[in-house]
Amino acid sequence: MPSIQERIVDRAKVLILGAGTLASDRVFRSRTEAITRDMSPAIVIRPNLETTERESQSVDRNQFELSVEILAREDTTTGDAWDQVADLVKVAVHAVLMEEDAFPEADRIQRFYIDWIEDDGDNTAGNCMVRYRFTYLCNTGDLLSGPTIY
């Protein structure tokens, strides 16, 4: 069975795929290959930093960051700039990730970082990096399940 963190990342991908964004089915997990022009917009999600604090003798409070990178290009049909396209995707993704009870294993979800990065040499493309922080509890010796005693 995968860890709580991995299950949250998997759930995020499922929710984003079902959100009906402009990225459609172009939602990737930790993709390293380049996104081609005809694949835009696209979303790449990946887990980042995770920290742990002792909550009690047998329970840890874990926080991990999930990056949601939205890669977009100017829409030549509508004339929308890449950041306008990315913003529409960002709004839809945020709505599904912040839905109540979307992540039953997480105690708290918080969006804490957004950066807009224009691609060098191509002002018609860029990416919007959004980071979410997930907080969850687990037994100190078990990353698979929430605390059985607290």
N, C-alpha and C. Protein backbone atom coordinates (compact mmCIF):
# COMPACT_ATOMS: atom_id res chain seq x y z
N MET A 1 0.84 -1.18 0.00
CA MET A 1 0.00 0.00 0.00
C MET A 1 0.89 1.25 0.00
N PRO A 2 0.56 2.26 -0.80
CA PRO A 2 1.37 3.49 -0.84
C PRO A 2 1.16 4.33 0.43
N SER A 3 2.10 5.23 0.66
CA SER A 3 2.05 6.11 1.83
C SER A 3 0.86 7.08 1.72
N ILE A 4 0.55 7.72 2.84
CA ILE A 4 -0.52 8.73 2.85
C ILE A 4 -0.18 9.83 1.85
N GLN A 5 1.07 10.27 1.84
CA GLN A 5 1.48 11.32 0.91
C GLN A 5 1.20 10.90 -0.54
N GLU A 6 1.59 9.70 -0.89
CA GLU A 6 1.40 9.21 -2.25
C GLU A 6 -0.09 9.13 -2.59
N ARG A 7 -0.90 8.71 -1.65
CA ARG A 7 -2.35 8.63 -1.90
C ARG A 7 -2.94 10.02 -2.11
N ILE A 8 -2.43 11.00 -1.40
CA ILE A 8 -2.91 12.38 -1.59
C ILE A 8 -2.52 12.88 -2.98
N VAL A 9 -1.28 12.61 -3.40
CA VAL A 9 -0.84 13.03 -4.74
C VAL A 9 -1.68 12.35 -5.81
N ASP A 10 -1.92 11.06 -5.66
CA ASP A 10 -2.77 10.33 -6.62
C ASP A 10 -4.17 10.92 -6.67
N ARG A 11 -4.72 11.23 -5.50
CA ARG A 11 -6.07 11.81 -5.43
C ARG A 11 -6.10 13.18 -6.11
N ALA A 12 -5.05 13.97 -5.91
CA ALA A 12 -4.97 15.29 -6.55
C ALA A 12 -5.01 15.14 -8.07
N LYS A 13 -4.29 14.17 -8.60
CA LYS A 13 -4.28 13.96 -10.05
C LYS A 13 -5.67 13.56 -10.55
N VAL A 14 -6.34 12.68 -9.84
CA VAL A 14 -7.69 12.26 -10.22
C VAL A 14 -8.64 13.45 -10.21
N LEU A 15 -8.56 14.28 -9.16
CA LEU A 15 -9.44 15.44 -9.06
C LEU A 15 -9.18 16.43 -10.19
N ILE A 16 -7.90 16.67 -10.48
CA ILE A 16 -7.55 17.63 -11.53
C ILE A 16 -8.01 17.10 -12.90
N LEU A 17 -7.83 15.81 -13.14
CA LEU A 17 -8.30 15.23 -14.40
C LEU A 17 -9.81 15.38 -14.56
N GLY A 18 -10.54 15.33 -13.47
CA GLY A 18 -11.99 15.46 -13.52
C GLY A 18 -12.50 16.88 -13.47
N ALA A 19 -11.60 17.86 -13.38
CA ALA A 19 -12.01 19.25 -13.20
C ALA A 19 -12.50 19.92 -14.48
N GLY A 20 -12.26 19.30 -15.62
CA GLY A 20 -12.70 19.90 -16.88
C GLY A 20 -11.91 21.15 -17.25
N THR A 21 -10.61 21.16 -16.97
CA THR A 21 -9.79 22.33 -17.30
C THR A 21 -9.46 22.36 -18.78
N LEU A 22 -8.90 23.46 -19.21
CA LEU A 22 -8.43 23.57 -20.60
C LEU A 22 -7.32 22.57 -20.90
N ALA A 23 -6.66 22.06 -19.85
CA ALA A 23 -5.60 21.07 -20.04
C ALA A 23 -6.17 19.70 -20.39
N SER A 24 -7.45 19.52 -20.17
CA SER A 24 -8.12 18.25 -20.49
C SER A 24 -7.42 17.07 -19.82
N ASP A 25 -6.96 16.10 -20.61
CA ASP A 25 -6.30 14.92 -20.03
C ASP A 25 -4.78 15.07 -19.97
N ARG A 26 -4.28 16.26 -20.22
CA ARG A 26 -2.83 16.50 -20.20
C ARG A 26 -2.40 16.89 -18.78
N VAL A 27 -2.59 15.94 -17.87
CA VAL A 27 -2.19 16.09 -16.47
C VAL A 27 -1.16 15.01 -16.20
N PHE A 28 0.05 15.41 -15.85
CA PHE A 28 1.16 14.48 -15.73
C PHE A 28 1.72 14.48 -14.31
N ARG A 29 2.24 13.35 -13.93
CA ARG A 29 2.88 13.19 -12.63
C ARG A 29 4.39 13.24 -12.83
N SER A 30 5.03 14.24 -12.25
CA SER A 30 6.49 14.38 -12.26
C SER A 30 7.09 14.20 -13.66
N ARG A 31 6.49 14.79 -14.65
CA ARG A 31 6.95 14.66 -16.04
C ARG A 31 8.29 15.36 -16.22
N THR A 32 9.19 14.70 -16.94
CA THR A 32 10.51 15.28 -17.22
C THR A 32 10.67 15.61 -18.69
N GLU A 33 9.81 15.08 -19.55
CA GLU A 33 9.90 15.35 -20.98
C GLU A 33 9.25 16.70 -21.28
N ALA A 34 9.76 17.36 -22.31
CA ALA A 34 9.22 18.66 -22.70
C ALA A 34 7.77 18.55 -23.14
N ILE A 35 7.02 19.62 -22.89
CA ILE A 35 5.64 19.72 -23.35
C ILE A 35 5.68 20.40 -24.71
N THR A 36 5.12 19.77 -25.72
CA THR A 36 5.14 20.34 -27.07
C THR A 36 4.05 21.41 -27.19
N ARG A 37 4.15 22.23 -28.23
CA ARG A 37 3.16 23.30 -28.44
C ARG A 37 1.73 22.78 -28.47
N ASP A 38 1.52 21.66 -29.17
CA ASP A 38 0.15 21.15 -29.30
C ASP A 38 -0.34 20.46 -28.02
N MET A 39 0.51 20.33 -27.00
CA MET A 39 0.08 19.74 -25.72
C MET A 39 -0.31 20.83 -24.72
N SER A 40 -0.27 22.07 -25.12
CA SER A 40 -0.52 23.17 -24.20
C SER A 40 -2.00 23.58 -24.24
N PRO A 41 -2.59 23.93 -23.11
CA PRO A 41 -1.98 23.92 -21.79
C PRO A 41 -1.88 22.50 -21.22
N ALA A 42 -0.97 22.34 -20.29
CA ALA A 42 -0.76 21.06 -19.62
C ALA A 42 -0.46 21.33 -18.14
N ILE A 43 -0.64 20.29 -17.34
CA ILE A 43 -0.40 20.40 -15.89
C ILE A 43 0.57 19.30 -15.48
N VAL A 44 1.57 19.68 -14.69
CA VAL A 44 2.50 18.70 -14.12
C VAL A 44 2.42 18.85 -12.60
N ILE A 45 2.11 17.74 -11.92
CA ILE A 45 2.08 17.77 -10.46
C ILE A 45 3.23 16.93 -9.92
N ARG A 46 3.80 17.39 -8.82
CA ARG A 46 4.89 16.64 -8.19
C ARG A 46 4.98 16.99 -6.72
N PRO A 47 5.28 15.98 -5.90
CA PRO A 47 5.49 16.26 -4.48
C PRO A 47 6.84 16.95 -4.27
N ASN A 48 6.87 17.82 -3.28
CA ASN A 48 8.11 18.52 -2.94
C ASN A 48 8.47 18.24 -1.48
N LEU A 49 8.97 19.22 -0.84
CA LEU A 49 9.45 19.12 0.53
C LEU A 49 8.40 18.54 1.48
N GLU A 50 8.85 17.65 2.37
CA GLU A 50 7.98 17.16 3.44
C GLU A 50 8.71 17.34 4.77
N THR A 51 8.01 17.85 5.77
CA THR A 51 8.57 18.01 7.10
C THR A 51 7.70 17.27 8.10
N THR A 52 8.31 16.89 9.22
CA THR A 52 7.60 16.14 10.25
C THR A 52 7.91 16.72 11.62
N GLU A 53 6.88 16.84 12.43
CA GLU A 53 7.03 17.26 13.82
C GLU A 53 6.34 16.23 14.70
N ARG A 54 6.92 15.97 15.86
CA ARG A 54 6.33 15.03 16.80
C ARG A 54 5.10 15.70 17.44
N GLU A 55 3.96 15.06 17.30
CA GLU A 55 2.71 15.57 17.86
C GLU A 55 2.50 15.01 19.27
N SER A 56 2.79 13.76 19.44
CA SER A 56 2.72 13.10 20.74
C SER A 56 3.75 11.97 20.73
N GLN A 57 3.74 11.14 21.74
CA GLN A 57 4.74 10.08 21.81
C GLN A 57 4.68 9.15 20.60
N SER A 58 3.50 8.93 20.06
CA SER A 58 3.37 7.96 18.97
C SER A 58 2.78 8.52 17.69
N VAL A 59 2.57 9.84 17.62
CA VAL A 59 1.93 10.45 16.45
C VAL A 59 2.80 11.58 15.91
N ASP A 60 2.96 11.61 14.58
CA ASP A 60 3.68 12.68 13.90
C ASP A 60 2.72 13.54 13.10
N ARG A 61 3.00 14.83 13.07
CA ARG A 61 2.27 15.76 12.19
C ARG A 61 3.19 16.03 11.00
N ASN A 62 2.72 15.68 9.82
CA ASN A 62 3.50 15.82 8.59
C ASN A 62 2.92 16.92 7.72
N GLN A 63 3.80 17.67 7.09
CA GLN A 63 3.39 18.66 6.11
C GLN A 63 4.21 18.41 4.85
N PHE A 64 3.50 18.34 3.72
CA PHE A 64 4.25 18.23 2.48
C PHE A 64 3.67 19.16 1.45
N GLU A 65 4.52 19.54 0.52
CA GLU A 65 4.14 20.48 -0.52
C GLU A 65 3.91 19.74 -1.82
N LEU A 66 2.84 20.12 -2.49
CA LEU A 66 2.52 19.59 -3.81
C LEU A 66 2.59 20.75 -4.79
N SER A 67 3.44 20.61 -5.81
CA SER A 67 3.54 21.63 -6.85
C SER A 67 2.59 21.28 -7.98
N VAL A 68 1.87 22.29 -8.42
CA VAL A 68 1.00 22.18 -9.60
C VAL A 68 1.53 23.20 -10.60
N GLU A 69 2.17 22.70 -11.63
CA GLU A 69 2.76 23.57 -12.64
C GLU A 69 1.86 23.58 -13.87
N ILE A 70 1.40 24.76 -14.23
CA ILE A 70 0.52 24.92 -15.38
C ILE A 70 1.34 25.54 -16.51
N LEU A 71 1.54 24.77 -17.57
CA LEU A 71 2.30 25.24 -18.72
C LEU A 71 1.32 25.68 -19.79
N ALA A 72 1.46 26.92 -20.24
CA ALA A 72 0.47 27.46 -21.16
C ALA A 72 1.14 28.29 -22.26
N ARG A 73 0.41 28.45 -23.34
CA ARG A 73 0.82 29.29 -24.46
C ARG A 73 -0.30 30.27 -24.78
N GLU A 74 0.07 31.29 -25.49
CA GLU A 74 -0.92 32.25 -25.97
C GLU A 74 -1.97 31.49 -26.81
N ASP A 75 -3.22 31.82 -26.62
CA ASP A 75 -4.30 31.22 -27.41
C ASP A 75 -4.49 32.07 -28.66
N THR A 76 -4.04 31.54 -29.80
CA THR A 76 -4.09 32.32 -31.05
C THR A 76 -5.52 32.50 -31.56
N THR A 77 -6.44 31.67 -31.09
CA THR A 77 -7.84 31.80 -31.50
C THR A 77 -8.52 32.96 -30.79
N THR A 78 -8.35 33.03 -29.47
CA THR A 78 -9.02 34.07 -28.67
C THR A 78 -8.14 35.30 -28.46
N GLY A 79 -6.83 35.14 -28.64
CA GLY A 79 -5.91 36.23 -28.38
C GLY A 79 -5.50 36.35 -26.92
N ASP A 80 -5.97 35.41 -26.08
CA ASP A 80 -5.60 35.44 -24.66
C ASP A 80 -4.11 35.17 -24.50
N ALA A 81 -3.47 35.94 -23.65
CA ALA A 81 -2.05 35.74 -23.34
C ALA A 81 -1.89 34.44 -22.55
N TRP A 82 -0.66 33.92 -22.50
CA TRP A 82 -0.41 32.65 -21.81
C TRP A 82 -0.86 32.70 -20.36
N ASP A 83 -0.65 33.85 -19.69
CA ASP A 83 -1.02 33.93 -18.28
C ASP A 83 -2.53 33.96 -18.08
N GLN A 84 -3.28 34.45 -19.06
CA GLN A 84 -4.74 34.39 -18.98
C GLN A 84 -5.22 32.95 -19.13
N VAL A 85 -4.61 32.21 -20.04
CA VAL A 85 -4.93 30.80 -20.21
C VAL A 85 -4.60 30.03 -18.94
N ALA A 86 -3.41 30.26 -18.40
CA ALA A 86 -2.99 29.57 -17.17
C ALA A 86 -3.90 29.92 -16.00
N ASP A 87 -4.37 31.16 -15.94
CA ASP A 87 -5.24 31.57 -14.85
C ASP A 87 -6.56 30.79 -14.86
N LEU A 88 -7.12 30.56 -16.04
CA LEU A 88 -8.36 29.78 -16.13
C LEU A 88 -8.16 28.36 -15.61
N VAL A 89 -7.01 27.77 -15.93
CA VAL A 89 -6.68 26.42 -15.44
C VAL A 89 -6.49 26.46 -13.93
N LYS A 90 -5.75 27.46 -13.46
CA LYS A 90 -5.46 27.61 -12.02
C LYS A 90 -6.75 27.68 -11.20
N VAL A 91 -7.71 28.44 -11.66
CA VAL A 91 -8.99 28.60 -10.95
C VAL A 91 -9.72 27.26 -10.84
N ALA A 92 -9.77 26.51 -11.92
CA ALA A 92 -10.47 25.22 -11.91
C ALA A 92 -9.76 24.21 -11.02
N VAL A 93 -8.42 24.18 -11.08
CA VAL A 93 -7.64 23.26 -10.24
C VAL A 93 -7.84 23.60 -8.77
N HIS A 94 -7.75 24.87 -8.44
CA HIS A 94 -7.91 25.29 -7.05
C HIS A 94 -9.28 24.88 -6.50
N ALA A 95 -10.30 25.04 -7.31
CA ALA A 95 -11.66 24.70 -6.85
C ALA A 95 -11.76 23.24 -6.45
N VAL A 96 -11.20 22.33 -7.24
CA VAL A 96 -11.34 20.91 -6.90
C VAL A 96 -10.42 20.50 -5.75
N LEU A 97 -9.23 21.10 -5.67
CA LEU A 97 -8.32 20.72 -4.59
C LEU A 97 -8.79 21.23 -3.23
N MET A 98 -9.49 22.35 -3.22
CA MET A 98 -9.93 22.95 -1.96
C MET A 98 -11.36 22.55 -1.58
N GLU A 99 -11.97 21.70 -2.38
CA GLU A 99 -13.32 21.23 -2.07
C GLU A 99 -13.33 20.52 -0.72
N GLU A 100 -14.35 20.78 0.06
CA GLU A 100 -14.44 20.13 1.38
C GLU A 100 -14.46 18.61 1.23
N ASP A 101 -13.70 17.94 2.04
CA ASP A 101 -13.58 16.48 2.05
C ASP A 101 -12.96 15.89 0.78
N ALA A 102 -12.26 16.71 0.00
CA ALA A 102 -11.59 16.19 -1.19
C ALA A 102 -10.45 15.24 -0.82
N PHE A 103 -9.84 15.49 0.34
CA PHE A 103 -8.71 14.68 0.80
C PHE A 103 -8.99 14.24 2.24
N PRO A 104 -9.68 13.12 2.40
CA PRO A 104 -10.06 12.71 3.75
C PRO A 104 -8.89 12.46 4.70
N GLU A 105 -7.72 12.16 4.17
CA GLU A 105 -6.57 11.87 5.04
C GLU A 105 -5.80 13.13 5.45
N ALA A 106 -6.14 14.26 4.86
CA ALA A 106 -5.44 15.50 5.19
C ALA A 106 -6.24 16.30 6.21
N ASP A 107 -5.54 16.80 7.23
CA ASP A 107 -6.19 17.66 8.22
C ASP A 107 -6.41 19.06 7.67
N ARG A 108 -5.47 19.49 6.83
CA ARG A 108 -5.51 20.86 6.34
C ARG A 108 -4.85 20.94 4.97
N ILE A 109 -5.42 21.81 4.12
CA ILE A 109 -4.84 22.07 2.80
C ILE A 109 -4.77 23.59 2.65
N GLN A 110 -3.63 24.07 2.19
CA GLN A 110 -3.45 25.50 2.06
C GLN A 110 -2.66 25.80 0.79
N ARG A 111 -3.18 26.70 -0.03
CA ARG A 111 -2.37 27.21 -1.14
C ARG A 111 -1.48 28.29 -0.56
N PHE A 112 -0.17 28.21 -0.79
CA PHE A 112 0.70 29.18 -0.15
C PHE A 112 1.68 29.86 -1.09
N TYR A 113 1.67 29.52 -2.37
CA TYR A 113 2.69 30.08 -3.27
C TYR A 113 2.18 30.04 -4.70
N ILE A 114 2.36 31.16 -5.41
CA ILE A 114 2.08 31.22 -6.85
C ILE A 114 3.19 32.04 -7.49
N ASP A 115 3.71 31.54 -8.60
CA ASP A 115 4.73 32.28 -9.35
C ASP A 115 4.40 32.19 -10.83
N TRP A 116 4.54 33.28 -11.53
CA TRP A 116 4.29 33.36 -12.97
C TRP A 116 5.64 33.50 -13.65
N ILE A 117 6.00 32.53 -14.47
CA ILE A 117 7.33 32.50 -15.08
C ILE A 117 7.20 32.47 -16.60
N GLU A 118 7.67 33.54 -17.24
CA GLU A 118 7.63 33.61 -18.69
C GLU A 118 8.83 32.86 -19.24
N ASP A 119 8.62 32.06 -20.27
CA ASP A 119 9.73 31.33 -20.89
C ASP A 119 10.69 32.30 -21.57
N ASP A 120 11.97 32.10 -21.33
CA ASP A 120 12.98 32.95 -21.96
C ASP A 120 12.90 32.84 -23.47
N GLY A 121 12.92 33.99 -24.13
CA GLY A 121 12.95 34.01 -25.59
C GLY A 121 11.62 33.71 -26.25
N ASP A 122 10.58 33.47 -25.48
CA ASP A 122 9.27 33.17 -26.06
C ASP A 122 8.20 33.78 -25.17
N ASN A 123 7.88 35.03 -25.41
CA ASN A 123 6.92 35.69 -24.53
C ASN A 123 5.47 35.26 -24.79
N THR A 124 5.30 34.24 -25.62
CA THR A 124 3.95 33.70 -25.84
C THR A 124 3.71 32.46 -24.99
N ALA A 125 4.69 32.07 -24.18
CA ALA A 125 4.55 30.86 -23.36
C ALA A 125 5.10 31.12 -21.97
N GLY A 126 4.61 30.33 -21.04
CA GLY A 126 5.12 30.44 -19.67
C GLY A 126 4.48 29.39 -18.79
N ASN A 127 4.78 29.48 -17.51
CA ASN A 127 4.14 28.55 -16.58
C ASN A 127 3.76 29.27 -15.29
N CYS A 128 2.72 28.77 -14.73
CA CYS A 128 2.22 29.26 -13.46
C CYS A 128 2.47 28.14 -12.45
N MET A 129 3.32 28.41 -11.47
CA MET A 129 3.66 27.42 -10.45
C MET A 129 2.83 27.72 -9.20
N VAL A 130 2.00 26.76 -8.82
CA VAL A 130 1.16 26.91 -7.63
C VAL A 130 1.56 25.81 -6.66
N ARG A 131 1.75 26.16 -5.40
CA ARG A 131 2.11 25.15 -4.41
C ARG A 131 1.06 25.10 -3.31
N TYR A 132 0.74 23.86 -2.96
CA TYR A 132 -0.21 23.59 -1.88
C TYR A 132 0.51 22.85 -0.77
N ARG A 133 0.12 23.16 0.46
CA ARG A 133 0.68 22.47 1.62
C ARG A 133 -0.42 21.60 2.24
N PHE A 134 -0.13 20.31 2.37
CA PHE A 134 -1.05 19.34 2.97
C PHE A 134 -0.51 18.96 4.34
N THR A 135 -1.37 18.94 5.34
CA THR A 135 -1.00 18.52 6.68
C THR A 135 -1.78 17.26 7.02
N TYR A 136 -1.08 16.26 7.53
CA TYR A 136 -1.75 15.02 7.93
C TYR A 136 -1.03 14.40 9.11
N LEU A 137 -1.74 13.58 9.87
CA LEU A 137 -1.18 12.87 11.01
C LEU A 137 -0.95 11.42 10.64
N CYS A 138 0.08 10.82 11.25
CA CYS A 138 0.29 9.38 11.09
C CYS A 138 1.00 8.87 12.34
N ASN A 139 0.93 7.57 12.53
CA ASN A 139 1.68 6.96 13.61
C ASN A 139 3.17 7.14 13.32
N THR A 140 3.95 7.34 14.36
CA THR A 140 5.39 7.60 14.20
C THR A 140 6.08 6.52 13.38
N GLY A 141 5.75 5.29 13.56
CA GLY A 141 6.41 4.21 12.84
C GLY A 141 5.67 3.71 11.63
N ASP A 142 4.69 4.49 11.14
CA ASP A 142 3.84 3.98 10.06
C ASP A 142 3.40 5.12 9.15
N LEU A 143 3.90 5.16 7.93
CA LEU A 143 3.54 6.21 6.97
C LEU A 143 2.31 5.83 6.14
N LEU A 144 1.71 4.70 6.45
CA LEU A 144 0.60 4.20 5.64
C LEU A 144 -0.77 4.59 6.17
N SER A 145 -0.87 4.89 7.46
CA SER A 145 -2.21 5.13 8.01
C SER A 145 -2.17 6.22 9.07
N GLY A 146 -3.34 6.79 9.29
CA GLY A 146 -3.49 7.81 10.32
C GLY A 146 -3.33 7.20 11.70
N PRO A 147 -3.28 8.04 12.72
CA PRO A 147 -3.03 7.53 14.07
C PRO A 147 -4.16 6.64 14.58
N THR A 148 -3.76 5.56 15.22
CA THR A 148 -4.74 4.67 15.86
C THR A 148 -4.96 5.09 17.30
N ILE A 149 -3.94 5.73 17.88
CA ILE A 149 -4.09 6.32 19.22
C ILE A 149 -3.49 7.71 19.17
N TYR A 150 -3.99 8.59 20.02
CA TYR A 150 -3.52 9.97 19.93
C TYR A 150 -3.26 10.56 21.27
